[in-house]
Protein backbone atom coordinates (compact mmCIF):
# COMPACT_ATOMS: atom_id res chain seq x y z
CA MET A 1 13.07 8.17 -6.25
CA ILE A 2 16.45 8.60 -4.57
CA LEU A 3 16.59 4.86 -3.91
CA PHE A 4 15.97 4.26 -7.63
CA TRP A 5 18.79 6.57 -8.65
CA ILE A 6 21.34 4.96 -6.34
CA GLY A 7 20.26 1.53 -7.54
CA TYR A 8 18.97 0.26 -4.20
CA ALA A 9 15.27 0.10 -5.06
CA VAL A 10 15.63 -2.22 -8.03
CA ASP A 11 13.76 -5.12 -6.43
CA THR A 12 12.69 -3.89 -3.02
CA VAL A 13 10.12 -1.34 -2.01
CA THR A 14 10.26 -1.88 1.75
CA PRO A 15 12.35 1.22 2.62
CA ALA A 16 10.04 3.44 0.58
CA ILE A 17 6.95 1.93 2.22
CA PHE A 18 8.35 2.50 5.70
CA ALA A 19 9.35 6.04 4.77
CA ASN A 20 5.81 6.78 3.56
CA ILE A 21 4.29 5.33 6.73
CA PHE A 22 6.61 7.42 8.88
CA CYS A 23 5.99 10.61 6.86
CA LEU A 24 2.23 10.10 7.12
CA LEU A 25 2.46 9.65 10.88
CA ALA A 26 4.73 12.67 11.23
CA ALA A 27 2.46 14.88 9.09
CA ILE A 28 -0.66 13.93 11.01
CA SER A 29 0.95 14.22 14.44
CA VAL A 30 2.60 17.59 13.75
CA GLY A 31 -0.50 18.97 12.05
CA LEU A 32 -2.80 17.85 14.86
CA TYR A 33 -0.39 19.22 17.46
CA ILE A 34 -0.31 22.63 15.77
CA HIS A 35 -4.11 22.57 15.43
CA LYS A 36 -4.57 21.74 19.11
CA LYS A 37 -2.00 24.35 20.15
CA ASN A 38 -3.77 27.10 18.16
CA GLU A 39 -7.30 25.97 19.04
CA ILE A 40 -9.36 28.97 20.10
CA ASP A 41 -12.16 26.96 21.68
CA GLU A 42 -10.52 25.11 24.56
CA LYS A 43 -13.28 22.49 24.64
CA GLY A 44 -13.17 21.33 21.04
CA ASN A 45 -14.59 17.88 20.50
CA ALA A 46 -12.72 14.78 19.38
CA MET A 47 -14.56 14.58 16.07
CA ASN A 48 -13.21 17.97 15.02
CA ASP A 49 -9.69 16.81 15.90
CA ILE A 50 -10.14 13.64 13.84
CA LYS A 51 -11.49 15.66 10.89
CA LYS A 52 -8.58 18.08 11.11
CA SER A 53 -6.00 15.31 11.19
CA LEU A 54 -7.75 13.55 8.29
CA SER A 55 -7.60 16.80 6.32
CA ILE A 56 -3.83 16.55 6.70
CA GLY A 57 -3.48 12.84 5.97
CA MET A 58 -5.78 12.47 2.96
CA PRO A 59 -3.99 14.95 0.67
CA TYR A 60 -0.72 13.21 1.53
CA ALA A 61 -2.26 9.87 0.54
CA VAL A 62 -3.52 11.26 -2.77
CA ILE A 63 -0.18 12.89 -3.62
CA VAL A 64 1.75 9.70 -2.84
CA ALA A 65 -0.68 7.60 -4.91
CA ILE A 66 -0.28 9.95 -7.89
CA PHE A 67 3.50 9.78 -7.53
CA ILE A 68 3.38 5.96 -7.32
CA TYR A 69 1.32 5.84 -10.50
CA ALA A 70 3.77 8.13 -12.29
CA TYR A 71 6.74 6.18 -10.95
CA TYR A 72 5.52 2.76 -12.06
CA SER A 73 4.14 3.93 -15.39
CA LYS A 74 6.89 6.35 -16.53
CA ILE A 75 10.03 6.23 -14.37
CA ASP A 76 10.48 2.49 -13.69
CA PRO A 77 7.91 0.43 -15.62
CA SER A 78 10.31 -2.53 -15.67
CA TYR A 79 9.67 -3.13 -11.95
CA ASN A 80 6.23 -4.56 -12.65
CA GLN A 81 7.61 -6.75 -15.42
CA ARG A 82 10.25 -8.14 -13.04
CA GLN A 83 7.56 -8.93 -10.48
CA ILE A 84 5.46 -10.70 -13.11
CA GLN A 85 8.50 -12.71 -14.20
CA LYS A 86 9.17 -13.73 -10.59
CA ALA A 87 5.56 -14.85 -10.25
CA GLN A 88 5.83 -16.83 -13.50
CA VAL A 89 8.94 -18.62 -12.25
CA LEU A 90 7.18 -19.45 -9.00
CA ILE A 91 4.12 -20.73 -10.86
CA ASP A 92 6.27 -22.81 -13.20
CA THR A 93 8.22 -24.42 -10.35
CA THR A 94 4.99 -25.13 -8.50
CA LEU A 95 3.40 -26.75 -11.53
CA LYS A 96 6.48 -28.91 -12.18
CA ASN A 97 6.04 -30.50 -8.76
CA ASP A 98 3.43 -33.23 -9.32
CA ALA A 99 2.18 -33.23 -5.72
CA LYS A 100 1.62 -29.48 -5.72
CA PHE A 101 0.05 -29.67 -9.18
CA GLU A 102 -2.48 -32.24 -7.96
CA GLN A 103 -3.17 -30.12 -4.87
CA ILE A 104 -3.86 -27.07 -7.06
CA LYS A 105 -6.25 -29.13 -9.18
CA LYS A 106 -8.10 -30.32 -6.07
CA GLU A 107 -8.36 -26.84 -4.56
CA ASN A 108 -9.96 -25.28 -7.62
CA GLU A 109 -12.78 -27.16 -9.30
CA SER A 110 -12.34 -25.44 -12.65
CA PHE A 111 -8.73 -26.68 -12.84
CA GLU A 112 -9.74 -30.35 -12.62
CA VAL A 113 -10.36 -30.69 -16.36
CA MET A 114 -7.66 -28.27 -17.55
CA SER A 115 -4.22 -29.11 -18.85
CA LYS A 116 -1.06 -27.88 -17.17
CA GLU A 117 -0.60 -25.13 -19.77
CA LYS A 118 -4.17 -23.84 -19.36
CA ILE A 119 -3.79 -23.81 -15.59
CA ARG A 120 -0.52 -21.89 -15.99
CA LYS A 121 -2.24 -19.30 -18.20
CA GLU A 122 -5.04 -18.91 -15.65
CA LEU A 123 -2.64 -18.56 -12.72
CA ILE A 124 -0.53 -15.95 -14.52
CA LYS A 125 -3.58 -13.72 -15.06
CA GLY A 126 -3.48 -12.77 -11.36
CA PRO A 127 0.01 -11.27 -11.25
CA LYS A 128 -0.48 -9.63 -14.66
CA SER A 129 -3.55 -7.78 -13.44
CA PHE A 130 -2.08 -6.96 -10.03
CA TYR A 131 1.33 -5.67 -11.12
CA THR A 132 0.20 -2.61 -13.04
CA ALA A 133 0.78 1.05 -12.23
CA SER A 134 -2.91 1.72 -11.68
CA ALA A 135 -3.44 -1.29 -9.39
CA THR A 136 -0.36 -0.46 -7.34
CA SER A 137 -1.36 3.17 -6.94
CA LEU A 138 -4.94 2.21 -6.05
CA VAL A 139 -3.79 -0.24 -3.37
CA SER A 140 -1.39 2.40 -2.04
CA LEU A 141 -4.11 5.03 -1.96
CA LEU A 142 -6.54 2.80 -0.10
CA SER A 143 -3.86 1.64 2.33
CA LEU A 144 -2.69 5.16 3.11
CA MET A 145 -6.27 6.36 3.54
CA MET A 146 -7.01 3.57 6.01
CA LEU A 147 -3.74 4.20 7.82
CA SER A 148 -4.50 7.92 7.90
CA THR A 149 -7.88 7.22 9.49
CA PHE A 150 -6.31 4.88 12.04
CA TYR A 151 -3.55 7.37 12.88
CA SER A 152 -6.08 10.20 13.19
CA ILE A 153 -8.18 8.32 15.70
CA ILE A 154 -5.21 7.04 17.72
CA LEU A 155 -3.39 10.38 17.80
CA THR A 156 -6.56 12.22 18.78
CA VAL A 157 -7.04 9.86 21.71
CA ILE A 158 -3.37 10.14 22.74
CA TYR A 159 -3.30 13.94 22.46
CA ARG A 160 -6.57 14.35 24.35
CA LYS A 161 -5.59 11.85 27.05
CA PHE A 162 -1.98 12.89 27.72
CA PHE A 163 -1.12 16.28 26.21
CA PHE A 164 -4.25 18.42 25.97
CA ARG A 165 -6.44 17.44 28.88
CA ASP A 166 -9.71 19.27 29.31
């Protein structure tokens, strides 16, 4: 949101993505460290550690996905339109090149009998369905959930191997 206000995040989302990845890692690692430090049973199993770290990471993923949905639907809905326009320009330049146009027709059997305009309409359906607030938030939610699971497993192994040995 800060990047939007200062005008930096007009066409790039990379800093925000890296910030979310770092915050997720930090939340899981600090939460798991505190859990392991306060663990009453000294011989807790790895599955409990993974579950505890997932209980930290999953709410973060849900909150970020809800924010992303609100951001792209209410705060900056023009971002998705700009991405669709970029995709349309790319599709148009690709279709103007006769060699690439013939390659596209060969790669997709349904395009063989279509005109250039019909192929353009079919190709634009992809970006129009992908660049929506709900699709972006869903992809973000699934990505953060998978990353949270991966971080939970890796951090549990690292903590058990190096910091909290049995």
